[in-house]
Amino acid sequence: MPPMTRLVSALLFLLVTGLLVAPASQAGAPPGLDAEAARGASPVHRGAEPAVSPRKTESADQPGRASLQSTPLPPSPPAFSWRRIAAEQDTAVGAASPAPAQGTTGGSTVLDWDSGAGRSYLIPGIELPSFLVLLNLYDRSFLHTKTQEGSSTYDSNPSTIWQHLRKQNWTFDRDPFNVNQIGHPYQGATMYGIARSAGLNFWESLIYSNLGSFTWEMAGETSRPSINDLITTGNSGSLLGEALFRMSQLVLQEDAPRPDAWHEAGAALLSPPTGFNRWAFGEWFKPIFPSHDPALFWRTRLGASVSGNGRQAAVLDFQMSYGLPGKPGYTYRRPFDYFDFQIGGLSEAQNPISYVLLRGLLVGRDYHVGENYRGIWGIYGGYDYLSPTNFRVSTTALSLGTTGQYWMAPAIALQGTVLGGFGFGAAGKTPVDLGMRDYHYGATPQVLLALRMLFANRAALELIGRGYYVSGTGSDDAEGYEQIARINTGFTVRVFRRHGIGLQFVESLRYAHYGSLPRSKQADGTISLVYTFLGDSHLGAVEWRDLGSR
């Protein structure tokens, strides 16, 4: 299903479900939350000393877990600030009036992210099937000409539902690559966000997303249920949904304790279910998710690219690294307390999204070696979508690896990630016409090496290598396989404050073999010149050293 269809369906879901459930929910919602109860930690970057310093005290709900209280400190210029802290007058007001315990207001319960008080299993249990029903109704109305296996795809009824439940006749579908590898993960991210924004944790929301995916395969379409859709929708969607949820909370924290309409709209754009639940249920889901002040790096780039065959295109991309290792006091107790998210687009109608790359630490811990190295290691979840002009690859995987930073010299830092894992992927060429699939599914071992050298606050040099082997195991073509590699090198120079320029070269290689067909070799290389807007002037370096050792 085209991504635009998913987006329009999501908007229909927000409107209709809000009209159905919002009045009753708001009637029983708490009367009002004190401004300080919803105050989120300002996303101050590493090394900066905020005007309000968090002081740790033990939480009554979870002994041994720290909660934050505000203690005024003399202001100092933020050396590594991601965004400026709120105005001093807001800080003074917050410091003067102590906040009530989150989770209570006026004797009523609201969401408390730390203890779980106020979370709801019922709300997503109503919203998720409502979303799927509206999605099916939209598809029936606007995509009714689409047919597979001799019947209208979306005209499901009790008979087709029972047939799917009874036979469980699973297959690999024939939808276009971008529908299966972009559209379905975004649908899964929406279902995940429905549960996550109602206060459920990562694992609980993952279950809801997978249940929604299974429900759609059984009841949303008349065609045979799809193995690949079940995997990508529920699992890739959950990884994508958590990253979007975390970024939406950062947007809200920038204007805490009461985000204005612009910040609410920005958060809703990133995570529509989050915006909907915050609007529909009043104060119940207003508390902002505690980020615990992660070390952040983000950038946006805009420029032009030219390929080896002379093809030209405008390029736009965004990257955020969340929870970079080395931030004093920051821990990795929750899934995605570290993640790296990248998305890029081209000015090409047939290939507008050139890549979506996401990896996040699911289970792991931090470690250090000597005074100059800090790192994390553990099990990472990953969702990759790469679409050069001539071929494409996408995977959902679990990997074992590490991410770290090493101070090579007083002003030179090396950041890197090494991962090796196993997942389920798809690769090949993709015709536009429906029913003409020319790509290959299978179990996919993969590796990643990402290095980034930072030269003080002036320049950054990057080298990233990725490798995928899409095997015939577990696929609909056991005799085929694909080997794909992608090398990315880039150099960025900060020119003034947070403004810079960058030069990037990307080479993608594909080697494929299918049964008796001739072996296929393809290459796609592009070079890009871009304007870069940086999240801070220090290019993402995390500082933990004493002044005397720098």
Protein backbone atom coordinates (compact mmCIF):
# COMPACT_ATOMS: atom_id res chain seq x y z
CA MET A 1 0.00 0.00 0.00
CA PRO A 2 1.47 3.41 -0.98
CA PRO A 3 2.87 5.43 1.95
CA MET A 4 0.51 8.31 1.15
CA THR A 5 -2.41 5.94 1.64
CA ARG A 6 -1.07 5.04 5.06
CA LEU A 7 -0.72 8.69 6.00
CA VAL A 8 -4.23 9.64 4.90
CA SER A 9 -5.63 6.62 6.69
CA ALA A 10 -3.80 7.60 9.85
CA LEU A 11 -5.33 11.06 9.67
CA LEU A 12 -8.79 9.53 9.27
CA PHE A 13 -8.09 7.38 12.28
CA LEU A 14 -7.12 10.39 14.38
CA LEU A 15 -10.26 12.27 13.45
CA VAL A 16 -12.89 9.54 13.81
CA THR A 17 -11.46 7.83 16.87
CA GLY A 18 -11.09 11.20 18.59
CA LEU A 19 -14.76 11.95 18.03
CA LEU A 20 -15.70 8.53 19.40
CA VAL A 21 -13.58 8.26 22.51
CA ALA A 22 -12.31 11.74 23.42
CA PRO A 23 -15.45 13.13 25.12
CA ALA A 24 -15.87 10.20 27.48
CA SER A 25 -12.19 10.01 28.23
CA GLN A 26 -11.84 13.71 28.90
CA ALA A 27 -14.84 13.62 31.22
CA GLY A 28 -13.01 11.25 33.51
CA ALA A 29 -9.58 12.75 33.01
CA PRO A 30 -7.79 14.50 35.85
CA PRO A 31 -8.81 18.14 36.18
CA GLY A 32 -5.36 19.59 35.63
CA LEU A 33 -1.68 18.91 36.01
CA ASP A 34 0.53 21.41 37.73
CA ALA A 35 2.98 22.92 35.28
CA GLU A 36 6.00 21.48 37.06
CA ALA A 37 4.63 17.93 37.09
CA ALA A 38 5.02 17.75 33.33
CA ARG A 39 8.38 19.45 33.15
CA GLY A 40 10.76 17.34 31.07
CA ALA A 41 14.51 17.44 31.19
CA SER A 42 15.83 20.05 28.79
CA PRO A 43 17.94 18.31 26.16
CA VAL A 44 21.21 20.00 27.14
CA HIS A 45 24.11 18.51 25.27
CA ARG A 46 27.22 17.09 26.82
CA GLY A 47 29.55 19.37 28.67
CA ALA A 48 27.05 22.20 29.08
CA GLU A 49 26.06 23.26 32.57
CA PRO A 50 22.37 24.14 32.60
CA ALA A 51 20.87 26.94 34.60
CA VAL A 52 18.99 24.29 36.58
CA SER A 53 21.03 21.35 37.78
CA PRO A 54 19.30 17.97 38.27
CA ARG A 55 19.72 16.66 41.83
CA LYS A 56 19.04 12.92 42.26
CA THR A 57 16.79 11.61 45.00
CA GLU A 58 15.37 8.15 45.50
CA SER A 59 11.93 7.50 43.97
CA ALA A 60 9.23 6.22 46.30
CA ASP A 61 7.71 4.16 43.49
CA GLN A 62 10.98 2.48 42.58
CA PRO A 63 13.54 2.31 45.40
CA GLY A 64 17.00 2.77 44.08
CA ARG A 65 15.84 4.68 40.98
CA ALA A 66 16.75 8.32 40.87
CA SER A 67 14.27 11.07 40.27
CA LEU A 68 15.19 14.65 39.37
CA GLN A 69 14.61 17.80 41.34
CA SER A 70 15.72 21.27 40.36
CA THR A 71 18.39 23.25 42.18
CA PRO A 72 19.36 26.66 40.82
CA LEU A 73 22.99 27.12 39.74
CA PRO A 74 24.82 30.13 38.36
CA PRO A 75 24.41 30.22 34.57
CA SER A 76 27.37 29.40 32.35
CA PRO A 77 27.65 29.44 28.56
CA PRO A 78 26.62 26.07 27.06
CA ALA A 79 29.65 24.70 25.28
CA PHE A 80 27.86 21.66 23.85
CA SER A 81 24.18 22.77 23.92
CA TRP A 82 21.91 21.06 21.40
CA ARG A 83 19.38 23.86 21.85
CA ARG A 84 19.37 26.83 24.19
CA ILE A 85 17.83 26.28 27.59
CA ALA A 86 14.53 28.01 28.40
CA ALA A 87 14.61 31.65 29.44
CA GLU A 88 15.96 32.45 32.87
CA GLN A 89 12.64 33.75 34.03
CA ASP A 90 11.00 30.36 33.35
CA THR A 91 13.80 28.70 35.31
CA ALA A 92 13.25 31.03 38.23
CA VAL A 93 9.54 30.27 38.30
CA GLY A 94 10.22 26.52 38.15
CA ALA A 95 12.75 26.68 40.94
CA ALA A 96 10.49 28.75 43.17
CA SER A 97 7.52 26.36 43.17
CA PRO A 98 8.20 22.71 44.06
CA ALA A 99 6.57 20.20 41.71
CA PRO A 100 4.09 17.63 42.96
CA ALA A 101 4.93 14.00 42.39
CA GLN A 102 4.32 12.98 38.81
CA GLY A 103 1.43 10.57 38.60
CA THR A 104 -0.92 12.59 40.82
CA THR A 105 -2.74 15.85 40.35
CA GLY A 106 -5.70 16.95 42.37
CA GLY A 107 -6.02 13.44 43.80
CA SER A 108 -6.36 11.85 40.34
CA THR A 109 -3.85 9.62 38.57
CA VAL A 110 -2.01 10.69 35.42
CA LEU A 111 0.70 8.92 33.51
CA ASP A 112 3.98 8.38 35.38
CA TRP A 113 6.60 7.04 32.99
CA ASP A 114 8.94 5.78 35.71
CA SER A 115 6.49 3.77 37.81
CA GLY A 116 4.00 2.98 35.07
CA ALA A 117 1.10 4.44 37.04
CA GLY A 118 -1.60 5.78 34.75
CA ARG A 119 -0.67 3.68 31.71
CA SER A 120 -3.56 2.15 29.79
CA TYR A 121 -3.84 -1.21 28.05
CA LEU A 122 -7.48 -0.55 27.17
CA ILE A 123 -7.00 2.66 25.17
CA PRO A 124 -4.64 1.10 22.58
CA GLY A 125 -6.85 -2.00 22.65
CA ILE A 126 -9.64 0.24 21.28
CA GLU A 127 -7.57 2.55 19.11
CA LEU A 128 -5.59 -0.12 17.26
CA PRO A 129 -8.54 -2.08 15.80
CA SER A 130 -10.28 1.24 15.10
CA PHE A 131 -7.26 2.31 13.08
CA LEU A 132 -7.27 -0.97 11.11
CA VAL A 133 -11.00 -0.72 10.39
CA LEU A 134 -10.61 2.85 9.10
CA LEU A 135 -7.58 1.84 7.05
CA ASN A 136 -9.55 -0.97 5.43
CA LEU A 137 -12.52 1.33 4.72
CA TYR A 138 -10.22 3.89 3.12
CA ASP A 139 -8.56 1.22 0.96
CA ARG A 140 -11.96 -0.12 -0.13
CA SER A 141 -13.02 3.37 -1.21
CA PHE A 142 -9.88 4.57 -2.98
CA LEU A 143 -7.96 1.40 -3.94
CA HIS A 144 -10.88 -0.78 -4.96
CA THR A 145 -9.46 -1.45 -8.43
CA LYS A 146 -6.43 -3.19 -7.02
CA THR A 147 -6.93 -6.96 -7.34
CA GLN A 148 -4.89 -10.02 -6.52
CA GLU A 149 -5.76 -13.68 -7.00
CA GLY A 150 -9.01 -12.81 -8.75
CA SER A 151 -10.71 -10.83 -5.96
CA SER A 152 -10.72 -7.29 -4.66
CA THR A 153 -7.88 -7.07 -2.18
CA TYR A 154 -9.63 -5.08 0.53
CA ASP A 155 -13.19 -6.47 0.34
CA SER A 156 -12.64 -8.70 3.36
CA ASN A 157 -15.65 -10.17 5.18
CA PRO A 158 -16.33 -12.75 7.88
CA SER A 159 -15.95 -15.55 5.34
CA THR A 160 -12.47 -14.46 4.17
CA ILE A 161 -11.39 -13.80 7.76
CA TRP A 162 -12.45 -17.28 8.85
CA GLN A 163 -10.73 -18.81 5.84
CA HIS A 164 -7.45 -17.10 6.71
CA LEU A 165 -7.70 -18.09 10.36
CA ARG A 166 -8.50 -21.71 9.50
CA LYS A 167 -6.05 -22.34 6.67
CA GLN A 168 -3.09 -20.13 7.66
CA ASN A 169 -1.94 -20.25 4.04
CA TRP A 170 1.05 -17.90 4.30
CA THR A 171 3.12 -16.74 1.35
CA PHE A 172 5.50 -14.00 0.13
CA ASP A 173 3.46 -11.28 -1.53
CA ARG A 174 4.12 -9.49 -4.83
CA ASP A 175 3.74 -5.87 -3.76
CA PRO A 176 6.28 -3.26 -4.90
CA PHE A 177 9.45 -2.95 -2.86
CA ASN A 178 8.73 0.47 -1.37
CA VAL A 179 5.24 -0.63 -0.30
CA ASN A 180 6.57 -3.65 1.60
CA GLN A 181 9.74 -2.10 2.98
CA ILE A 182 8.61 1.49 3.68
CA GLY A 183 4.82 1.50 3.78
CA HIS A 184 4.39 -1.50 6.05
CA PRO A 185 7.05 -0.44 8.58
CA TYR A 186 5.38 2.96 8.82
CA GLN A 187 2.03 1.27 9.45
CA GLY A 188 3.73 -0.77 12.19
CA ALA A 189 5.27 2.40 13.63
CA THR A 190 1.79 3.93 13.84
CA MET A 191 0.39 0.89 15.68
CA TYR A 192 3.42 0.87 17.97
CA GLY A 193 2.96 4.57 18.71
CA ILE A 194 -0.67 3.99 19.67
CA ALA A 195 0.45 1.76 22.54
CA ARG A 196 3.66 3.64 23.41
CA SER A 197 1.95 7.00 23.81
CA ALA A 198 -0.56 5.41 26.20
CA GLY A 199 2.27 4.73 28.65
CA LEU A 200 3.27 1.19 27.66
CA ASN A 201 6.96 0.29 27.52
CA PHE A 202 8.93 -0.82 24.47
CA TRP A 203 8.26 -4.56 24.79
CA GLU A 204 4.56 -4.13 25.48
CA SER A 205 4.19 -1.79 22.51
CA LEU A 206 6.10 -4.28 20.34
CA ILE A 207 3.46 -6.90 21.17
CA TYR A 208 0.63 -4.54 20.23
CA SER A 209 2.29 -3.73 16.90
CA ASN A 210 2.74 -7.42 16.05
CA LEU A 211 -0.82 -8.23 17.09
CA GLY A 212 -2.01 -5.42 14.82
CA SER A 213 0.10 -6.79 11.96
CA PHE A 214 -1.35 -10.29 12.40
CA THR A 215 -4.89 -8.87 12.60
CA TRP A 216 -4.40 -7.00 9.33
CA GLU A 217 -3.11 -10.12 7.56
CA MET A 218 -6.14 -12.08 8.77
CA ALA A 219 -8.86 -9.46 8.37
CA GLY A 220 -7.60 -6.48 6.37
CA GLU A 221 -7.13 -8.12 2.97
CA THR A 222 -8.60 -10.99 0.97
CA SER A 223 -5.24 -12.10 -0.46
CA ARG A 224 -3.17 -14.78 1.24
CA PRO A 225 -1.47 -13.58 4.44
CA SER A 226 2.07 -12.38 3.83
CA ILE A 227 5.12 -13.64 5.73
CA ASN A 228 7.23 -10.66 4.78
CA ASP A 229 4.53 -8.17 5.83
CA LEU A 230 4.18 -9.83 9.23
CA ILE A 231 7.91 -9.46 9.87
CA THR A 232 8.43 -5.94 8.60
CA THR A 233 5.20 -4.37 9.86
CA GLY A 234 5.39 -5.49 13.47
CA ASN A 235 9.15 -5.55 14.01
CA SER A 236 10.69 -2.95 11.71
CA GLY A 237 7.69 -0.79 12.57
CA SER A 238 8.36 -1.06 16.30
CA LEU A 239 11.99 -0.01 15.90
CA LEU A 240 10.98 2.92 13.71
CA GLY A 241 8.11 3.79 16.04
CA GLU A 242 10.37 3.99 19.11
CA ALA A 243 12.84 6.30 17.35
CA LEU A 244 10.01 8.59 16.20
CA PHE A 245 8.49 8.53 19.70
CA ARG A 246 11.79 9.50 21.35
CA MET A 247 12.38 12.34 18.92
CA SER A 248 8.84 13.64 19.43
CA GLN A 249 9.50 13.79 23.17
CA LEU A 250 12.66 15.84 22.59
CA VAL A 251 10.58 18.34 20.65
CA LEU A 252 8.12 18.60 23.55
CA GLN A 253 10.93 18.95 26.12
CA GLU A 254 12.25 22.02 24.35
CA ASP A 255 9.19 23.97 25.45
CA ALA A 256 8.44 22.19 28.75
CA PRO A 257 6.52 22.28 30.98
CA ARG A 258 3.71 23.44 28.68
CA PRO A 259 4.69 23.01 25.02
CA ASP A 260 3.12 25.57 22.71
CA ALA A 261 1.09 24.71 19.62
CA TRP A 262 4.16 24.66 17.37
CA HIS A 263 5.99 22.13 19.53
CA GLU A 264 2.85 20.02 19.88
CA ALA A 265 2.46 20.06 16.09
CA GLY A 266 6.11 19.13 15.59
CA ALA A 267 5.81 16.19 17.97
CA ALA A 268 2.60 15.07 16.27
CA LEU A 269 4.27 15.23 12.87
CA LEU A 270 7.01 12.88 14.09
CA SER A 271 4.64 10.55 15.96
CA PRO A 272 0.96 11.07 15.01
CA PRO A 273 -0.41 8.69 17.69
CA THR A 274 1.50 10.63 20.35
CA GLY A 275 -0.02 13.90 19.20
CA PHE A 276 -3.47 12.36 19.04
CA ASN A 277 -3.41 10.86 22.54
CA ARG A 278 -2.04 14.06 24.05
CA TRP A 279 -4.93 15.97 22.43
CA ALA A 280 -7.73 13.44 22.99
CA PHE A 281 -7.12 12.56 26.64
CA GLY A 282 -6.13 15.88 28.11
CA GLU A 283 -3.84 15.75 31.14
CA TRP A 284 -3.84 11.96 31.31
CA PHE A 285 -1.04 11.52 28.74
CA LYS A 286 0.49 15.00 28.98
CA PRO A 287 3.61 14.09 31.05
CA ILE A 288 6.67 14.06 28.83
CA PHE A 289 8.77 10.91 28.58
CA PRO A 290 11.93 11.34 30.73
CA SER A 291 14.88 11.26 28.37
CA HIS A 292 17.42 11.51 31.24
CA ASP A 293 19.35 14.12 29.25
CA PRO A 294 21.13 12.02 26.58
CA ALA A 295 24.17 13.20 24.64
CA LEU A 296 22.82 14.18 21.22
CA PHE A 297 24.10 14.91 17.76
CA TRP A 298 21.88 15.88 14.86
CA ARG A 299 22.25 17.53 11.50
CA THR A 300 20.23 18.40 8.40
CA ARG A 301 21.81 18.61 4.95
CA LEU A 302 20.56 20.09 1.71
CA GLY A 303 22.40 20.06 -1.58
CA ALA A 304 22.86 18.49 -4.99
CA SER A 305 24.24 15.18 -6.21
CA VAL A 306 25.49 13.79 -9.50
CA SER A 307 25.91 10.10 -10.33
CA GLY A 308 28.43 8.33 -12.49
CA ASN A 309 26.05 8.28 -15.45
CA GLY A 310 25.47 12.04 -15.19
CA ARG A 311 22.09 11.91 -13.41
CA GLN A 312 21.56 14.99 -11.22
CA ALA A 313 19.21 15.40 -8.25
CA ALA A 314 18.60 17.56 -5.22
CA VAL A 315 19.29 15.78 -1.91
CA LEU A 316 17.91 16.31 1.59
CA ASP A 317 18.75 14.23 4.64
CA PHE A 318 18.53 14.20 8.42
CA GLN A 319 20.49 12.31 11.07
CA MET A 320 20.16 12.04 14.84
CA SER A 321 22.42 10.14 17.24
CA TYR A 322 20.72 9.79 20.62
CA GLY A 323 22.48 8.70 23.82
CA LEU A 324 26.06 8.82 22.58
CA PRO A 325 28.44 7.06 25.01
CA GLY A 326 30.44 9.04 27.54
CA LYS A 327 27.83 11.37 29.05
CA PRO A 328 28.50 11.33 32.84
CA GLY A 329 25.53 9.92 34.76
CA TYR A 330 23.64 8.66 31.70
CA THR A 331 22.62 4.98 31.75
CA TYR A 332 21.33 2.44 29.22
CA ARG A 333 18.58 0.62 31.10
CA ARG A 334 15.81 0.98 28.52
CA PRO A 335 15.64 -0.12 24.88
CA PHE A 336 16.76 2.69 22.56
CA ASP A 337 18.50 4.73 25.23
CA TYR A 338 21.01 4.76 22.38
CA PHE A 339 19.98 4.89 18.73
CA ASP A 340 21.14 6.33 15.42
CA PHE A 341 18.52 7.37 12.87
CA GLN A 342 19.10 8.60 9.30
CA ILE A 343 16.73 9.38 6.45
CA GLY A 344 17.50 10.80 3.03
CA GLY A 345 15.53 11.81 -0.03
CA LEU A 346 16.04 12.65 -3.68
CA SER A 347 14.16 14.90 -6.08
CA GLU A 348 13.10 11.88 -8.14
CA ALA A 349 9.46 10.86 -8.50
CA GLN A 350 10.30 7.16 -8.82
CA ASN A 351 12.70 7.09 -5.89
CA PRO A 352 11.92 9.92 -3.42
CA ILE A 353 13.24 8.08 -0.33
CA SER A 354 16.81 6.98 -0.96
CA TYR A 355 17.50 5.51 2.48
CA VAL A 356 16.23 4.97 6.00
CA LEU A 357 18.87 3.62 8.40
CA LEU A 358 18.16 2.86 12.05
CA ARG A 359 20.00 0.99 14.77
CA GLY A 360 19.22 1.03 18.47
CA LEU A 361 20.57 -0.67 21.58
CA LEU A 362 17.92 -3.08 22.89
CA VAL A 363 19.81 -4.72 25.75
CA GLY A 364 23.29 -3.71 26.84
CA ARG A 365 25.50 -1.73 29.16
CA ASP A 366 28.19 0.90 29.16
CA TYR A 367 31.93 0.31 29.76
CA HIS A 368 35.19 2.23 29.67
CA VAL A 369 38.84 1.53 28.88
CA GLY A 370 41.29 3.89 30.51
CA GLU A 371 40.61 7.59 30.76
CA ASN A 372 40.04 8.31 27.08
CA TYR A 373 37.53 5.68 25.91
CA ARG A 374 33.85 5.26 26.72
CA GLY A 375 31.53 2.81 25.04
CA ILE A 376 28.41 0.65 25.11
CA TRP A 377 27.91 -2.90 23.95
CA GLY A 378 25.02 -5.33 23.62
CA ILE A 379 22.26 -6.44 21.27
CA TYR A 380 21.06 -3.92 18.70
CA GLY A 381 17.86 -3.90 16.67
CA GLY A 382 18.20 -2.59 13.15
CA TYR A 383 16.01 -1.53 10.25
CA ASP A 384 17.74 -0.62 6.97
CA TYR A 385 16.25 0.57 3.69
CA LEU A 386 18.66 1.47 0.89
CA SER A 387 17.46 2.46 -2.56
CA PRO A 388 20.16 3.49 -5.04
CA THR A 389 18.90 4.09 -8.54
CA ASN A 390 19.51 0.63 -9.98
CA PHE A 391 18.76 -1.72 -7.05
CA ARG A 392 17.46 -1.85 -3.49
CA VAL A 393 17.96 -3.70 -0.20
CA SER A 394 16.11 -3.67 3.09
CA THR A 395 16.54 -5.72 6.27
CA THR A 396 15.20 -6.18 9.77
CA ALA A 397 17.92 -7.60 12.01
CA LEU A 398 19.36 -8.27 15.45
CA SER A 399 23.09 -7.61 15.82
CA LEU A 400 25.77 -7.88 18.49
CA GLY A 401 28.22 -5.04 18.68
CA THR A 402 29.58 -1.92 20.28
CA THR A 403 29.53 1.88 19.96
CA GLY A 404 32.15 4.11 21.50
CA GLN A 405 34.28 7.25 21.49
CA TYR A 406 38.04 7.55 21.93
CA TRP A 407 39.90 10.79 22.57
CA MET A 408 42.95 10.36 20.33
CA ALA A 409 44.34 13.79 21.22
CA PRO A 410 43.17 16.72 23.35
CA ALA A 411 40.98 18.02 20.50
CA ILE A 412 40.57 14.97 18.25
CA ALA A 413 37.94 12.29 18.93
CA LEU A 414 37.12 9.08 17.08
CA GLN A 415 33.56 7.75 17.29
CA GLY A 416 32.62 4.36 15.90
CA THR A 417 30.21 1.45 15.76
CA VAL A 418 30.92 -2.18 14.85
CA LEU A 419 27.99 -4.58 14.40
CA GLY A 420 27.51 -8.10 13.10
CA GLY A 421 24.11 -9.71 12.98
CA PHE A 422 21.42 -11.73 11.33
CA GLY A 423 18.00 -10.81 10.04
CA PHE A 424 15.41 -11.09 7.31
CA GLY A 425 15.87 -9.03 4.18
CA ALA A 426 14.86 -8.28 0.61
CA ALA A 427 17.02 -7.18 -2.29
CA GLY A 428 16.88 -6.73 -6.04
CA LYS A 429 15.42 -4.51 -8.74
CA THR A 430 11.84 -3.29 -8.45
CA PRO A 431 9.56 -2.67 -11.45
CA VAL A 432 6.81 -0.13 -10.97
CA ASP A 433 3.92 -2.36 -12.06
CA LEU A 434 2.10 -4.33 -9.39
CA GLY A 435 2.51 -8.08 -9.61
CA MET A 436 5.92 -7.86 -11.31
CA ARG A 437 8.13 -8.36 -8.26
CA ASP A 438 11.77 -8.72 -9.16
CA TYR A 439 13.39 -8.85 -5.74
CA HIS A 440 14.40 -11.62 -3.44
CA TYR A 441 13.58 -12.47 0.19
CA GLY A 442 15.71 -14.47 2.57
CA ALA A 443 17.70 -14.80 5.76
CA THR A 444 20.32 -12.03 5.76
CA PRO A 445 23.63 -11.93 7.61
CA GLN A 446 24.96 -8.38 7.70
CA VAL A 447 27.83 -6.25 9.04
CA LEU A 448 28.41 -2.58 9.76
CA LEU A 449 31.51 -0.50 10.39
CA ALA A 450 30.93 3.22 11.01
CA LEU A 451 33.78 5.61 11.89
CA ARG A 452 33.65 9.33 12.50
CA MET A 453 36.72 11.44 13.31
CA LEU A 454 36.08 14.86 14.87
CA PHE A 455 38.68 17.62 14.67
CA ALA A 456 37.88 19.95 17.58
CA ASN A 457 34.82 21.99 16.67
CA ARG A 458 35.91 22.56 13.09
CA ALA A 459 35.62 19.43 10.89
CA ALA A 460 34.40 15.83 10.75
CA LEU A 461 35.57 12.96 8.54
CA GLU A 462 33.28 9.92 8.09
CA LEU A 463 33.73 6.41 6.70
CA ILE A 464 30.83 3.93 6.80
CA GLY A 465 30.74 0.44 5.31
CA ARG A 466 27.75 -1.91 5.17
CA GLY A 467 27.47 -5.45 3.82
CA TYR A 468 24.44 -7.69 3.25
CA TYR A 469 24.09 -11.28 2.05
CA VAL A 470 20.44 -12.00 1.19
CA SER A 471 20.44 -15.79 1.04
CA GLY A 472 17.89 -18.22 -0.36
CA THR A 473 17.20 -19.65 3.10
CA GLY A 474 13.66 -18.97 4.30
CA SER A 475 12.60 -17.37 1.02
CA ASP A 476 10.45 -18.07 -2.02
CA ASP A 477 13.54 -18.57 -4.20
CA ALA A 478 15.92 -20.99 -2.52
CA GLU A 479 18.29 -21.00 -5.50
CA GLY A 480 18.98 -17.27 -5.50
CA TYR A 481 21.17 -14.97 -3.44
CA GLU A 482 22.42 -11.40 -3.45
CA GLN A 483 25.52 -9.71 -2.09
CA ILE A 484 25.32 -5.97 -1.56
CA ALA A 485 27.91 -3.53 -0.22
CA ARG A 486 27.70 0.20 0.40
CA ILE A 487 30.61 2.53 1.15
CA ASN A 488 29.97 6.09 2.33
CA THR A 489 32.70 8.69 2.85
CA GLY A 490 32.10 12.30 3.81
CA PHE A 491 33.86 15.41 5.01
CA THR A 492 32.13 18.29 6.79
CA VAL A 493 33.62 21.67 7.69
CA ARG A 494 31.92 24.00 10.16
CA VAL A 495 32.06 27.48 8.68
CA PHE A 496 30.16 29.67 11.12
CA ARG A 497 28.44 28.69 14.34
CA ARG A 498 26.14 25.81 13.39
CA HIS A 499 26.48 26.24 9.62
CA GLY A 500 28.81 24.18 7.50
CA ILE A 501 29.43 22.65 4.10
CA GLY A 502 30.03 19.01 3.25
CA LEU A 503 31.23 16.75 0.48
CA GLN A 504 30.05 13.13 0.28
CA PHE A 505 30.73 10.14 -1.95
CA VAL A 506 28.60 6.96 -1.89
CA GLU A 507 29.31 3.77 -3.81
CA SER A 508 26.79 0.90 -3.82
CA LEU A 509 27.61 -2.53 -5.32
CA ARG A 510 25.33 -5.50 -6.06
CA TYR A 511 26.20 -9.04 -7.12
CA ALA A 512 23.21 -11.38 -7.68
CA HIS A 513 22.61 -14.92 -8.91
CA TYR A 514 19.24 -16.62 -9.47
CA GLY A 515 19.23 -20.25 -10.59
CA SER A 516 19.99 -20.57 -14.29
CA LEU A 517 19.72 -16.83 -14.96
CA PRO A 518 22.89 -14.93 -15.86
CA ARG A 519 24.82 -13.49 -12.95
CA SER A 520 24.13 -9.81 -12.38
CA LYS A 521 26.58 -7.10 -11.35
CA GLN A 522 25.58 -3.49 -10.74
CA ALA A 523 27.22 -0.39 -9.32
CA ASP A 524 25.85 3.00 -8.39
CA GLY A 525 28.08 5.90 -7.35
CA THR A 526 27.12 9.47 -6.44
CA ILE A 527 28.94 12.54 -5.20
CA SER A 528 27.12 15.30 -3.32
CA LEU A 529 27.87 18.86 -2.23
CA VAL A 530 25.68 19.94 0.67
CA TYR A 531 24.93 22.77 3.07
CA THR A 532 24.90 21.40 6.62
CA PHE A 533 22.98 22.74 9.60
CA LEU A 534 24.41 21.28 12.81
CA GLY A 535 22.70 20.58 16.11
CA ASP A 536 25.64 22.13 17.95
CA SER A 537 28.99 23.64 17.16
CA HIS A 538 31.03 20.70 18.49
CA LEU A 539 29.98 18.15 15.84
CA GLY A 540 28.79 15.58 18.38
CA ALA A 541 31.89 15.05 20.54
CA VAL A 542 31.07 13.90 24.08
CA GLU A 543 33.27 15.35 26.83
CA TRP A 544 33.88 13.56 30.14
CA ARG A 545 37.53 14.43 30.82
CA ASP A 546 38.75 16.76 33.54
CA LEU A 547 40.00 20.14 32.37
CA GLY A 548 43.54 19.25 33.32
CA SER A 549 43.64 16.20 31.03
CA ARG A 550 42.37 17.92 27.87
